[in-house]
Amino acid sequence: MSTATRKQQEIRRREQMLLGLARTMLVEDGFANLGLDRLAEAAEYSKGTIYQHFSSKEDLVAALAIQSCETRLDLFARASRLPGISRERILALVAADEIFAQRYPHYFQSEMIIRMANLDARASSERRERLEQLEQQILKIAFSLVRDGVEQGDLTLTPPWTPEKVTFALFCQDIGAHMAVMNYASVVGKMGITSSSPHLLDNLSLLLDGLQWKPLSTSFDYSVTVPRVADQILSDEGSAND
């Protein structure tokens, strides 16, 4: 192994360590208290070393968002390959989102915080472009599954509904449920809701039944789909590791 290659690996390992530390700081102390100076102090590196990796606080936050999106995209891609009817595959994305939240709680929590941050021009153009690319890929998976439902005749859309609008509605119901529990805990708590997890699939059923996406929940047991999603993701992981 060349000296340059070893140096590159060392830089990558150090950056992963810094991101892990920054993510913990973000979750425990909040966005306002996250900064490169504090990260340098916690990591016991000089400020100059930290700036070799991140040009600003916003650049650091963008790097955290990229890490989360890459993990989420991987899970979504695996879930989307679930054999089954079109509506099951939409449900698979929501189930994959729950697996993401359970497996990577700090990724999930920090992503919800990051969504409220303004990643302006102080983040590097490379990271902003990479983040936008990942987010588009995630939405593309959802859009393709909605389009499959239309093409297979399971979902008939009438104006003003379009595949794009259905994808947006799915996105809103998922993100909205998580954000409501995080930011309006006292309000939704009075309704007996302390976690979004038990309600995401119910909300999805309401939306898809309202759109008449067949088969309706009254004629198909979608509860059996969720464990199949977990099996699909684990199966893909096993294949990737062979």
Foldseek 3Di string as FASTA:
>chain_A
DDPVVVVVVVLVVVLVVLLVVQLVCCLVPNLVPRWLVVSCVVVVHDSVSSCVPFVTSLQSLLVLLLVLLVVLLLLLVLLCPQPDALLLSLVLSLLSVVVSCVVPVSSVSSNLRSVPDDSPPSHDPVSVVSSVVSVVSSLVSQLVSLVSLVVVPQFDDDPPDDSVVLSVVLVCLRSVLQNCLVPVVVVVVVVVDNDSVVCSVVVVLVSCVVRNRPPHVVVDPSVVSSVSSVVSSVVVVVVVVD
